[in-house]
């Protein structure tokens, strides 16, 4: 196996980039932990930030007794809330970006 040579400057830049990403992820974790949803839409956004899967969010919302008229929520309903405009708040903006990346098959943590 051939090991790729990396210059010291590139290593430093790589470490700086990783440190910025860690800070960003820590901020997002803090935002999620301190988030208090007051509407159903905010609850859906919050649950997606935790679960990262629309089907799981729909199941959780349904288990809590929420309904659209007489029917249960489905993944398309959750997707519609995530994609709605205008963006509700900062967490919604982050979740929306994460959802788009997940949808394109580029698994990404918030």
PDB file of N, CA and C in Angstrom:
ATOM      1  N   UNK A   1       0.848  -1.163   0.000  1.00  0.00           N
ATOM      2  CA  UNK A   1       0.000   0.000   0.000  1.00  0.00           C
ATOM      3  C   UNK A   1       0.903   1.237   0.000  1.00  0.00           C
ATOM      4  N   UNK A   2       0.573   2.157  -0.853  1.00  0.00           N
ATOM      5  CA  UNK A   2       1.354   3.382  -0.976  1.00  0.00           C
ATOM      6  C   UNK A   2       0.735   4.466  -0.097  1.00  0.00           C
ATOM      7  N   UNK A   3       1.560   5.118   0.693  1.00  0.00           N
ATOM      8  CA  UNK A   3       1.090   6.176   1.579  1.00  0.00           C
ATOM      9  C   UNK A   3       1.281   7.515   0.877  1.00  0.00           C
ATOM     10  N   UNK A   4       0.224   8.292   0.843  1.00  0.00           N
ATOM     11  CA  UNK A   4       0.260   9.596   0.201  1.00  0.00           C
ATOM     12  C   UNK A   4       1.022  10.586   1.067  1.00  0.00           C
ATOM     13  N   UNK A   5       1.915  11.316   0.445  1.00  0.00           N
ATOM     14  CA  UNK A   5       2.677  12.322   1.171  1.00  0.00           C
ATOM     15  C   UNK A   5       1.847  13.596   1.293  1.00  0.00           C
ATOM     16  N   UNK A   6       1.803  14.118   2.502  1.00  0.00           N
ATOM     17  CA  UNK A   6       1.046  15.342   2.764  1.00  0.00           C
ATOM     18  C   UNK A   6       2.005  16.356   3.381  1.00  0.00           C
ATOM     19  N   UNK A   7       1.979  17.550   2.844  1.00  0.00           N
ATOM     20  CA  UNK A   7       2.868  18.585   3.367  1.00  0.00           C
ATOM     21  C   UNK A   7       2.400  19.028   4.753  1.00  0.00           C
ATOM     22  N   UNK A   8       3.317  19.595   5.486  1.00  0.00           N
ATOM     23  CA  UNK A   8       3.004  20.096   6.819  1.00  0.00           C
ATOM     24  C   UNK A   8       1.911  21.160   6.763  1.00  0.00           C
ATOM     25  N   UNK A   9       1.976  22.040   5.775  1.00  0.00           N
ATOM     26  CA  UNK A   9       0.955  23.089   5.629  1.00  0.00           C
ATOM     27  C   UNK A   9      -0.420  22.474   5.396  1.00  0.00           C
ATOM     28  N   UNK A  10      -0.489  21.430   4.575  1.00  0.00           N
ATOM     29  CA  UNK A  10      -1.773  20.771   4.315  1.00  0.00           C
ATOM     30  C   UNK A  10      -2.302  20.069   5.559  1.00  0.00           C
ATOM     31  N   UNK A  11      -1.385  19.487   6.333  1.00  0.00           N
ATOM     32  CA  UNK A  11      -1.806  18.842   7.586  1.00  0.00           C
ATOM     33  C   UNK A  11      -2.384  19.868   8.551  1.00  0.00           C
ATOM     34  N   UNK A  12      -1.734  21.016   8.669  1.00  0.00           N
ATOM     35  CA  UNK A  12      -2.223  22.071   9.552  1.00  0.00           C
ATOM     36  C   UNK A  12      -3.596  22.563   9.100  1.00  0.00           C
ATOM     37  N   UNK A  13      -3.754  22.754   7.807  1.00  0.00           N
ATOM     38  CA  UNK A  13      -5.040  23.206   7.274  1.00  0.00           C
ATOM     39  C   UNK A  13      -6.124  22.170   7.540  1.00  0.00           C
ATOM     40  N   UNK A  14      -5.801  20.901   7.361  1.00  0.00           N
ATOM     41  CA  UNK A  14      -6.742  19.817   7.608  1.00  0.00           C
ATOM     42  C   UNK A  14      -7.187  19.818   9.071  1.00  0.00           C
ATOM     43  N   UNK A  15      -6.247  20.004   9.982  1.00  0.00           N
ATOM     44  CA  UNK A  15      -6.568  20.039  11.405  1.00  0.00           C
ATOM     45  C   UNK A  15      -7.435  21.259  11.730  1.00  0.00           C
ATOM     46  N   UNK A  16      -7.126  22.404  11.132  1.00  0.00           N
ATOM     47  CA  UNK A  16      -7.939  23.605  11.351  1.00  0.00           C
ATOM     48  C   UNK A  16      -9.363  23.396  10.840  1.00  0.00           C
ATOM     49  N   UNK A  17      -9.485  22.766   9.681  1.00  0.00           N
ATOM     50  CA  UNK A  17     -10.821  22.485   9.125  1.00  0.00           C
ATOM     51  C   UNK A  17     -11.605  21.550  10.043  1.00  0.00           C
ATOM     52  N   UNK A  18     -10.924  20.533  10.569  1.00  0.00           N
ATOM     53  CA  UNK A  18     -11.585  19.609  11.492  1.00  0.00           C
ATOM     54  C   UNK A  18     -12.018  20.319  12.768  1.00  0.00           C
ATOM     55  N   UNK A  19     -11.173  21.217  13.276  1.00  0.00           N
ATOM     56  CA  UNK A  19     -11.525  21.957  14.483  1.00  0.00           C
ATOM     57  C   UNK A  19     -12.750  22.838  14.258  1.00  0.00           C
ATOM     58  N   UNK A  20     -12.840  23.459  13.075  1.00  0.00           N
ATOM     59  CA  UNK A  20     -14.017  24.277  12.753  1.00  0.00           C
ATOM     60  C   UNK A  20     -15.266  23.413  12.682  1.00  0.00           C
ATOM     61  N   UNK A  21     -15.140  22.228  12.092  1.00  0.00           N
ATOM     62  CA  UNK A  21     -16.291  21.323  11.987  1.00  0.00           C
ATOM     63  C   UNK A  21     -16.728  20.851  13.375  1.00  0.00           C
ATOM     64  N   UNK A  22     -15.776  20.562  14.248  1.00  0.00           N
ATOM     65  CA  UNK A  22     -16.109  20.153  15.618  1.00  0.00           C
ATOM     66  C   UNK A  22     -16.855  21.275  16.333  1.00  0.00           C
ATOM     67  N   UNK A  23     -16.385  22.507  16.186  1.00  0.00           N
ATOM     68  CA  UNK A  23     -17.058  23.652  16.813  1.00  0.00           C
ATOM     69  C   UNK A  23     -18.477  23.808  16.277  1.00  0.00           C
ATOM     70  N   UNK A  24     -18.639  23.619  14.975  1.00  0.00           N
ATOM     71  CA  UNK A  24     -19.970  23.721  14.359  1.00  0.00           C
ATOM     72  C   UNK A  24     -20.896  22.641  14.911  1.00  0.00           C
ATOM     73  N   UNK A  25     -20.394  21.411  15.002  1.00  0.00           N
ATOM     74  CA  UNK A  25     -21.213  20.312  15.508  1.00  0.00           C
ATOM     75  C   UNK A  25     -21.565  20.513  16.976  1.00  0.00           C
ATOM     76  N   UNK A  26     -20.630  21.028  17.764  1.00  0.00           N
ATOM     77  CA  UNK A  26     -20.912  21.311  19.171  1.00  0.00           C
ATOM     78  C   UNK A  26     -21.992  22.385  19.303  1.00  0.00           C
ATOM     79  N   UNK A  27     -21.937  23.392  18.433  1.00  0.00           N
ATOM     80  CA  UNK A  27     -22.962  24.441  18.447  1.00  0.00           C
ATOM     81  C   UNK A  27     -24.332  23.854  18.114  1.00  0.00           C
ATOM     82  N   UNK A  28     -24.377  22.995  17.116  1.00  0.00           N
ATOM     83  CA  UNK A  28     -25.654  22.389  16.718  1.00  0.00           C
ATOM     84  C   UNK A  28     -26.202  21.509  17.840  1.00  0.00           C
ATOM     85  N   UNK A  29     -25.343  20.751  18.484  1.00  0.00           N
ATOM     86  CA  UNK A  29     -25.782  19.924  19.616  1.00  0.00           C
ATOM     87  C   UNK A  29     -26.363  20.800  20.718  1.00  0.00           C
ATOM     88  N   UNK A  30     -25.681  21.889  21.028  1.00  0.00           N
ATOM     89  CA  UNK A  30     -26.164  22.818  22.056  1.00  0.00           C
ATOM     90  C   UNK A  30     -27.503  23.416  21.653  1.00  0.00           C
ATOM     91  N   UNK A  31     -27.648  23.752  20.377  1.00  0.00           N
ATOM     92  CA  UNK A  31     -28.901  24.320  19.870  1.00  0.00           C
ATOM     93  C   UNK A  31     -30.047  23.316  20.022  1.00  0.00           C
ATOM     94  N   UNK A  32     -29.792  22.067  19.672  1.00  0.00           N
ATOM     95  CA  UNK A  32     -30.824  21.026  19.791  1.00  0.00           C
ATOM     96  C   UNK A  32     -31.180  20.798  21.258  1.00  0.00           C
ATOM     97  N   UNK A  33     -30.175  20.710  22.112  1.00  0.00           N
ATOM     98  CA  UNK A  33     -30.425  20.438  23.536  1.00  0.00           C
ATOM     99  C   UNK A  33     -31.189  21.565  24.221  1.00  0.00           C
ATOM    100  N   UNK A  34     -31.010  22.787  23.739  1.00  0.00           N
ATOM    101  CA  UNK A  34     -31.693  23.918  24.375  1.00  0.00           C
ATOM    102  C   UNK A  34     -32.997  24.297  23.671  1.00  0.00           C
ATOM    103  N   UNK A  35     -33.337  23.598  22.603  1.00  0.00           N
ATOM    104  CA  UNK A  35     -34.517  23.922  21.798  1.00  0.00           C
ATOM    105  C   UNK A  35     -35.783  23.488  22.524  1.00  0.00           C
ATOM    106  N   UNK A  36     -36.765  24.383  22.572  1.00  0.00           N
ATOM    107  CA  UNK A  36     -38.052  24.074  23.181  1.00  0.00           C
ATOM    108  C   UNK A  36     -39.149  24.321  22.147  1.00  0.00           C
ATOM    109  N   UNK A  37     -39.609  23.254  21.492  1.00  0.00           N
ATOM    110  CA  UNK A  37     -40.655  23.444  20.488  1.00  0.00           C
ATOM    111  C   UNK A  37     -41.974  23.875  21.127  1.00  0.00           C
ATOM    112  N   UNK A  38     -42.614  24.868  20.490  1.00  0.00           N
ATOM    113  CA  UNK A  38     -43.901  25.348  21.006  1.00  0.00           C
ATOM    114  C   UNK A  38     -45.043  25.089  20.028  1.00  0.00           C
ATOM    115  N   UNK A  39     -44.709  24.694  18.812  1.00  0.00           N
ATOM    116  CA  UNK A  39     -45.734  24.364  17.809  1.00  0.00           C
ATOM    117  C   UNK A  39     -45.455  22.958  17.286  1.00  0.00           C
ATOM    118  N   UNK A  40     -46.433  22.388  16.608  1.00  0.00           N
ATOM    119  CA  UNK A  40     -46.245  21.065  16.022  1.00  0.00           C
ATOM    120  C   UNK A  40     -45.137  21.087  14.968  1.00  0.00           C
ATOM    121  N   UNK A  41     -45.090  22.159  14.178  1.00  0.00           N
ATOM    122  CA  UNK A  41     -44.042  22.266  13.157  1.00  0.00           C
ATOM    123  C   UNK A  41     -42.658  22.275  13.805  1.00  0.00           C
ATOM    124  N   UNK A  42     -42.510  23.026  14.875  1.00  0.00           N
ATOM    125  CA  UNK A  42     -41.228  23.053  15.580  1.00  0.00           C
ATOM    126  C   UNK A  42     -40.897  21.689  16.180  1.00  0.00           C
ATOM    127  N   UNK A  43     -41.907  20.986  16.673  1.00  0.00           N
ATOM    128  CA  UNK A  43     -41.693  19.641  17.225  1.00  0.00           C
ATOM    129  C   UNK A  43     -41.200  18.699  16.135  1.00  0.00           C
ATOM    130  N   UNK A  44     -41.775  18.790  14.948  1.00  0.00           N
ATOM    131  CA  UNK A  44     -41.356  17.948  13.829  1.00  0.00           C
ATOM    132  C   UNK A  44     -39.903  18.255  13.464  1.00  0.00           C
ATOM    133  N   UNK A  45     -39.563  19.523  13.405  1.00  0.00           N
ATOM    134  CA  UNK A  45     -38.198  19.935  13.084  1.00  0.00           C
ATOM    135  C   UNK A  45     -37.232  19.427  14.156  1.00  0.00           C
ATOM    136  N   UNK A  46     -37.608  19.582  15.399  1.00  0.00           N
ATOM    137  CA  UNK A  46     -36.787  19.116  16.523  1.00  0.00           C
ATOM    138  C   UNK A  46     -36.573  17.603  16.454  1.00  0.00           C
ATOM    139  N   UNK A  47     -37.637  16.864  16.226  1.00  0.00           N
ATOM    140  CA  UNK A  47     -37.532  15.400  16.154  1.00  0.00           C
ATOM    141  C   UNK A  47     -36.665  14.970  14.971  1.00  0.00           C
ATOM    142  N   UNK A  48     -36.773  15.670  13.848  1.00  0.00           N
ATOM    143  CA  UNK A  48     -35.923  15.322  12.700  1.00  0.00           C
ATOM    144  C   UNK A  48     -34.459  15.614  13.026  1.00  0.00           C
ATOM    145  N   UNK A  49     -34.198  16.680  13.762  1.00  0.00           N
ATOM    146  CA  UNK A  49     -32.819  17.000  14.154  1.00  0.00           C
ATOM    147  C   UNK A  49     -32.233  15.872  14.998  1.00  0.00           C
ATOM    148  N   UNK A  50     -33.060  15.218  15.780  1.00  0.00           N
ATOM    149  CA  UNK A  50     -32.611  14.112  16.627  1.00  0.00           C
ATOM    150  C   UNK A  50     -32.556  12.800  15.841  1.00  0.00           C
ATOM    151  N   UNK A  51     -33.623  12.483  15.133  1.00  0.00           N
ATOM    152  CA  UNK A  51     -33.749  11.187  14.456  1.00  0.00           C
ATOM    153  C   UNK A  51     -33.060  11.131  13.095  1.00  0.00           C
ATOM    154  N   UNK A  52     -33.192  12.210  12.304  1.00  0.00           N
ATOM    155  CA  UNK A  52     -32.602  12.230  10.969  1.00  0.00           C
ATOM    156  C   UNK A  52     -33.324  11.365   9.957  1.00  0.00           C
ATOM    157  N   UNK A  53     -34.579  11.008  10.257  1.00  0.00           N
ATOM    158  CA  UNK A  53     -35.334  10.127   9.373  1.00  0.00           C
ATOM    159  C   UNK A  53     -36.812  10.504   9.443  1.00  0.00           C
ATOM    160  N   UNK A  54     -37.416  10.835   8.280  1.00  0.00           N
ATOM    161  CA  UNK A  54     -38.809  11.294   8.270  1.00  0.00           C
ATOM    162  C   UNK A  54     -39.790  10.209   8.694  1.00  0.00           C
ATOM    163  N   UNK A  55     -39.509   8.963   8.368  1.00  0.00           N
ATOM    164  CA  UNK A  55     -40.401   7.871   8.761  1.00  0.00           C
ATOM    165  C   UNK A  55     -40.423   7.712  10.274  1.00  0.00           C
ATOM    166  N   UNK A  56     -39.254   7.803  10.905  1.00  0.00           N
ATOM    167  CA  UNK A  56     -39.180   7.706  12.362  1.00  0.00           C
ATOM    168  C   UNK A  56     -39.899   8.876  13.031  1.00  0.00           C
ATOM    169  N   UNK A  57     -39.755  10.061  12.452  1.00  0.00           N
ATOM    170  CA  UNK A  57     -40.429  11.239  13.009  1.00  0.00           C
ATOM    171  C   UNK A  57     -41.944  11.068  12.893  1.00  0.00           C
ATOM    172  N   UNK A  58     -42.425  10.603  11.743  1.00  0.00           N
ATOM    173  CA  UNK A  58     -43.863  10.388  11.562  1.00  0.00           C
ATOM    174  C   UNK A  58     -44.388   9.391  12.593  1.00  0.00           C
ATOM    175  N   UNK A  59     -43.654   8.308  12.815  1.00  0.00           N
ATOM    176  CA  UNK A  59     -44.073   7.302  13.790  1.00  0.00           C
ATOM    177  C   UNK A  59     -44.142   7.906  15.194  1.00  0.00           C
ATOM    178  N   UNK A  60     -43.171   8.713  15.542  1.00  0.00           N
ATOM    179  CA  UNK A  60     -43.150   9.325  16.878  1.00  0.00           C
ATOM    180  C   UNK A  60     -44.307  10.318  17.041  1.00  0.00           C
ATOM    181  N   UNK A  61     -44.536  11.133  16.024  1.00  0.00           N
ATOM    182  CA  UNK A  61     -45.635  12.107  16.066  1.00  0.00           C
ATOM    183  C   UNK A  61     -46.978  11.377  16.177  1.00  0.00           C
ATOM    184  N   UNK A  62     -47.133  10.315  15.413  1.00  0.00           N
ATOM    185  CA  UNK A  62     -48.364   9.530  15.470  1.00  0.00           C
ATOM    186  C   UNK A  62     -48.545   8.868  16.834  1.00  0.00           C
ATOM    187  N   UNK A  63     -47.463   8.364  17.411  1.00  0.00           N
ATOM    188  CA  UNK A  63     -47.529   7.715  18.723  1.00  0.00           C
ATOM    189  C   UNK A  63     -47.963   8.695  19.810  1.00  0.00           C
ATOM    190  N   UNK A  64     -47.667   9.968  19.592  1.00  0.00           N
ATOM    191  CA  UNK A  64     -48.074  10.996  20.550  1.00  0.00           C
ATOM    192  C   UNK A  64     -49.503  11.477  20.303  1.00  0.00           C
ATOM    193  N   UNK A  65     -50.164  10.907  19.279  1.00  0.00           N
ATOM    194  CA  UNK A  65     -51.570  11.199  19.055  1.00  0.00           C
ATOM    195  C   UNK A  65     -51.878  12.323  18.078  1.00  0.00           C
ATOM    196  N   UNK A  66     -50.865  12.874  17.452  1.00  0.00           N
ATOM    197  CA  UNK A  66     -51.111  13.943  16.479  1.00  0.00           C
ATOM    198  C   UNK A  66     -51.690  13.343  15.197  1.00  0.00           C
ATOM    199  N   UNK A  67     -52.621  14.097  14.592  1.00  0.00           N
ATOM    200  CA  UNK A  67     -53.265  13.648  13.359  1.00  0.00           C
ATOM    201  C   UNK A  67     -53.480  14.833  12.428  1.00  0.00           C
ATOM    202  N   UNK A  68     -53.623  14.522  11.152  1.00  0.00           N
ATOM    203  CA  UNK A  68     -54.056  15.513  10.156  1.00  0.00           C
ATOM    204  C   UNK A  68     -55.490  15.126   9.855  1.00  0.00           C
ATOM    205  N   UNK A  69     -56.409  15.861  10.414  1.00  0.00           N
ATOM    206  CA  UNK A  69     -57.812  15.469  10.311  1.00  0.00           C
ATOM    207  C   UNK A  69     -57.983  14.144  11.044  1.00  0.00           C
ATOM    208  N   UNK A  70     -58.380  13.124  10.315  1.00  0.00           N
ATOM    209  CA  UNK A  70     -58.580  11.798  10.904  1.00  0.00           C
ATOM    210  C   UNK A  70     -57.431  10.840  10.608  1.00  0.00           C
ATOM    211  N   UNK A  71     -56.504  11.255   9.763  1.00  0.00           N
ATOM    212  CA  UNK A  71     -55.445  10.319   9.366  1.00  0.00           C
ATOM    213  C   UNK A  71     -54.132  10.591  10.091  1.00  0.00           C
ATOM    214  N   UNK A  72     -53.291   9.565  10.093  1.00  0.00           N
ATOM    215  CA  UNK A  72     -51.974   9.682  10.720  1.00  0.00           C
ATOM    216  C   UNK A  72     -51.013  10.420   9.796  1.00  0.00           C
ATOM    217  N   UNK A  73     -49.947  10.924  10.377  1.00  0.00           N
ATOM    218  CA  UNK A  73     -48.882  11.559   9.596  1.00  0.00           C
ATOM    219  C   UNK A  73     -48.115  10.496   8.828  1.00  0.00           C
ATOM    220  N   UNK A  74     -47.706  10.845   7.622  1.00  0.00           N
ATOM    221  CA  UNK A  74     -46.838   9.981   6.829  1.00  0.00           C
ATOM    222  C   UNK A  74     -45.551  10.755   6.536  1.00  0.00           C
ATOM    223  N   UNK A  75     -44.575  10.074   5.978  1.00  0.00           N
ATOM    224  CA  UNK A  75     -43.279  10.704   5.736  1.00  0.00           C
ATOM    225  C   UNK A  75     -43.388  11.930   4.838  1.00  0.00           C
ATOM    226  N   UNK A  76     -44.310  11.915   3.889  1.00  0.00           N
ATOM    227  CA  UNK A  76     -44.489  13.083   3.010  1.00  0.00           C
ATOM    228  C   UNK A  76     -44.948  14.320   3.789  1.00  0.00           C
ATOM    229  N   UNK A  77     -45.730  14.119   4.831  1.00  0.00           N
ATOM    230  CA  UNK A  77     -46.168  15.245   5.672  1.00  0.00           C
ATOM    231  C   UNK A  77     -44.981  15.845   6.426  1.00  0.00           C
ATOM    232  N   UNK A  78     -44.120  14.985   6.913  1.00  0.00           N
ATOM    233  CA  UNK A  78     -42.927  15.440   7.629  1.00  0.00           C
ATOM    234  C   UNK A  78     -42.011  16.192   6.668  1.00  0.00           C
ATOM    235  N   UNK A  79     -41.823  15.639   5.476  1.00  0.00           N
ATOM    236  CA  UNK A  79     -41.005  16.289   4.444  1.00  0.00           C
ATOM    237  C   UNK A  79     -41.555  17.666   4.115  1.00  0.00           C
ATOM    238  N   UNK A  80     -42.861  17.800   4.001  1.00  0.00           N
ATOM    239  CA  UNK A  80     -43.483  19.090   3.681  1.00  0.00           C
ATOM    240  C   UNK A  80     -43.193  20.128   4.764  1.00  0.00           C
ATOM    241  N   UNK A  81     -43.214  19.714   6.023  1.00  0.00           N
ATOM    242  CA  UNK A  81     -42.912  20.650   7.115  1.00  0.00           C
ATOM    243  C   UNK A  81     -41.442  21.078   7.036  1.00  0.00           C
ATOM    244  N   UNK A  82     -40.551  20.133   6.813  1.00  0.00           N
ATOM    245  CA  UNK A  82     -39.119  20.450   6.738  1.00  0.00           C
ATOM    246  C   UNK A  82     -38.837  21.396   5.576  1.00  0.00           C
ATOM    247  N   UNK A  83     -39.500  21.179   4.442  1.00  0.00           N
ATOM    248  CA  UNK A  83     -39.246  21.988   3.243  1.00  0.00           C
ATOM    249  C   UNK A  83     -40.043  23.282   3.182  1.00  0.00           C
ATOM    250  N   UNK A  84     -40.897  23.527   4.158  1.00  0.00           N
ATOM    251  CA  UNK A  84     -41.761  24.713   4.095  1.00  0.00           C
ATOM    252  C   UNK A  84     -40.969  26.011   4.092  1.00  0.00           C
ATOM    253  N   UNK A  85     -41.551  26.998   3.465  1.00  0.00           N
ATOM    254  CA  UNK A  85     -40.992  28.347   3.445  1.00  0.00           C
ATOM    255  C   UNK A  85     -42.025  29.268   4.064  1.00  0.00           C
ATOM    256  N   UNK A  86     -41.634  30.292   4.739  1.00  0.00           N
ATOM    257  CA  UNK A  86     -40.263  30.650   5.088  1.00  0.00           C
ATOM    258  C   UNK A  86     -39.741  29.751   6.194  1.00  0.00           C
ATOM    259  N   UNK A  87     -38.427  29.771   6.365  1.00  0.00           N
ATOM    260  CA  UNK A  87     -37.785  28.999   7.419  1.00  0.00           C
ATOM    261  C   UNK A  87     -38.219  29.577   8.765  1.00  0.00           C
ATOM    262  N   UNK A  88     -38.584  28.705   9.690  1.00  0.00           N
ATOM    263  CA  UNK A  88     -39.124  29.120  10.990  1.00  0.00           C
ATOM    264  C   UNK A  88     -38.048  29.724  11.891  1.00  0.00           C
ATOM    265  N   UNK A  89     -36.920  29.041  11.993  1.00  0.00           N
ATOM    266  CA  UNK A  89     -35.856  29.488  12.903  1.00  0.00           C
ATOM    267  C   UNK A  89     -34.530  28.858  12.481  1.00  0.00           C
ATOM    268  N   UNK A  90     -33.502  29.070  13.273  1.00  0.00           N
ATOM    269  CA  UNK A  90     -32.161  28.588  12.933  1.00  0.00           C
ATOM    270  C   UNK A  90     -32.103  27.063  12.847  1.00  0.00           C
ATOM    271  N   UNK A  91     -32.744  26.368  13.772  1.00  0.00           N
ATOM    272  CA  UNK A  91     -32.733  24.904  13.733  1.00  0.00           C
ATOM    273  C   UNK A  91     -33.418  24.407  12.470  1.00  0.00           C
ATOM    274  N   UNK A  92     -34.487  25.046  12.072  1.00  0.00           N
ATOM    275  CA  UNK A  92     -35.186  24.667  10.849  1.00  0.00           C
ATOM    276  C   UNK A  92     -34.245  24.797   9.645  1.00  0.00           C
ATOM    277  N   UNK A  93     -33.506  25.872   9.599  1.00  0.00           N
ATOM    278  CA  UNK A  93     -32.561  26.087   8.499  1.00  0.00           C
ATOM    279  C   UNK A  93     -31.505  24.978   8.454  1.00  0.00           C
ATOM    280  N   UNK A  94     -30.971  24.614   9.606  1.00  0.00           N
ATOM    281  CA  UNK A  94     -29.967  23.553   9.678  1.00  0.00           C
ATOM    282  C   UNK A  94     -30.575  22.212   9.277  1.00  0.00           C
ATOM    283  N   UNK A  95     -31.760  21.912   9.789  1.00  0.00           N
ATOM    284  CA  UNK A  95     -32.443  20.654   9.478  1.00  0.00           C
ATOM    285  C   UNK A  95     -32.756  20.566   7.986  1.00  0.00           C
ATOM    286  N   UNK A  96     -33.190  21.667   7.414  1.00  0.00           N
ATOM    287  CA  UNK A  96     -33.526  21.687   5.988  1.00  0.00           C
ATOM    288  C   UNK A  96     -32.293  21.359   5.139  1.00  0.00           C
ATOM    289  N   UNK A  97     -31.148  21.937   5.481  1.00  0.00           N
ATOM    290  CA  UNK A  97     -29.909  21.642   4.751  1.00  0.00           C
ATOM    291  C   UNK A  97     -29.514  20.184   4.923  1.00  0.00           C
ATOM    292  N   UNK A  98     -29.626  19.685   6.130  1.00  0.00           N
ATOM    293  CA  UNK A  98     -29.299  18.290   6.408  1.00  0.00           C
ATOM    294  C   UNK A  98     -30.216  17.353   5.622  1.00  0.00           C
ATOM    295  N   UNK A  99     -31.508  17.682   5.592  1.00  0.00           N
ATOM    296  CA  UNK A  99     -32.473  16.866   4.864  1.00  0.00           C
ATOM    297  C   UNK A  99     -32.114  16.798   3.386  1.00  0.00           C
ATOM    298  N   UNK A 100     -31.752  17.934   2.799  1.00  0.00           N
ATOM    299  CA  UNK A 100     -31.388  17.960   1.381  1.00  0.00           C
ATOM    300  C   UNK A 100     -30.168  17.088   1.111  1.00  0.00           C
ATOM    301  N   UNK A 101     -29.189  17.141   1.983  1.00  0.00           N
ATOM    302  CA  UNK A 101     -28.007  16.295   1.813  1.00  0.00           C
ATOM    303  C   UNK A 101     -28.363  14.822   1.954  1.00  0.00           C
ATOM    304  N   UNK A 102     -29.186  14.497   2.934  1.00  0.00           N
ATOM    305  CA  UNK A 102     -29.611  13.097   3.133  1.00  0.00           C
ATOM    306  C   UNK A 102     -30.402  12.598   1.934  1.00  0.00           C
ATOM    307  N   UNK A 103     -31.256  13.468   1.385  1.00  0.00           N
ATOM    308  CA  UNK A 103     -32.084  13.103   0.244  1.00  0.00           C
ATOM    309  C   UNK A 103     -31.226  12.790  -0.988  1.00  0.00           C
ATOM    310  N   UNK A 104     -30.127  13.518  -1.129  1.00  0.00           N
ATOM    311  CA  UNK A 104     -29.239  13.317  -2.275  1.00  0.00           C
ATOM    312  C   UNK A 104     -28.324  12.114  -2.068  1.00  0.00           C
ATOM    313  N   UNK A 105     -28.439  11.470  -0.916  1.00  0.00           N
ATOM    314  CA  UNK A 105     -27.627  10.289  -0.665  1.00  0.00           C
ATOM    315  C   UNK A 105     -26.264  10.596  -0.082  1.00  0.00           C
ATOM    316  N   UNK A 106     -26.057  11.844   0.292  1.00  0.00           N
ATOM    317  CA  UNK A 106     -24.778  12.225   0.887  1.00  0.00           C
ATOM    318  C   UNK A 106     -24.988  12.324   2.382  1.00  0.00           C
ATOM    319  N   UNK A 107     -24.944  11.190   3.061  1.00  0.00           N
ATOM    320  CA  UNK A 107     -25.188  11.171   4.500  1.00  0.00           C
ATOM    321  C   UNK A 107     -24.341  12.218   5.179  1.00  0.00           C
ATOM    322  N   UNK A 108     -25.004  13.052   5.934  1.00  0.00           N
ATOM    323  CA  UNK A 108     -24.313  14.133   6.620  1.00  0.00           C
ATOM    324  C   UNK A 108     -24.989  14.333   7.957  1.00  0.00           C
ATOM    325  N   UNK A 109     -24.173  14.500   8.943  1.00  0.00           N
ATOM    326  CA  UNK A 109     -24.720  14.808  10.260  1.00  0.00           C
ATOM    327  C   UNK A 109     -24.975  16.293  10.289  1.00  0.00           C
ATOM    328  N   UNK A 110     -26.076  16.673  10.921  1.00  0.00           N
ATOM    329  CA  UNK A 110     -26.432  18.075  11.001  1.00  0.00           C
ATOM    330  C   UNK A 110     -25.200  18.894  11.111  1.00  0.00           C
TER     331      UNK A 110
END
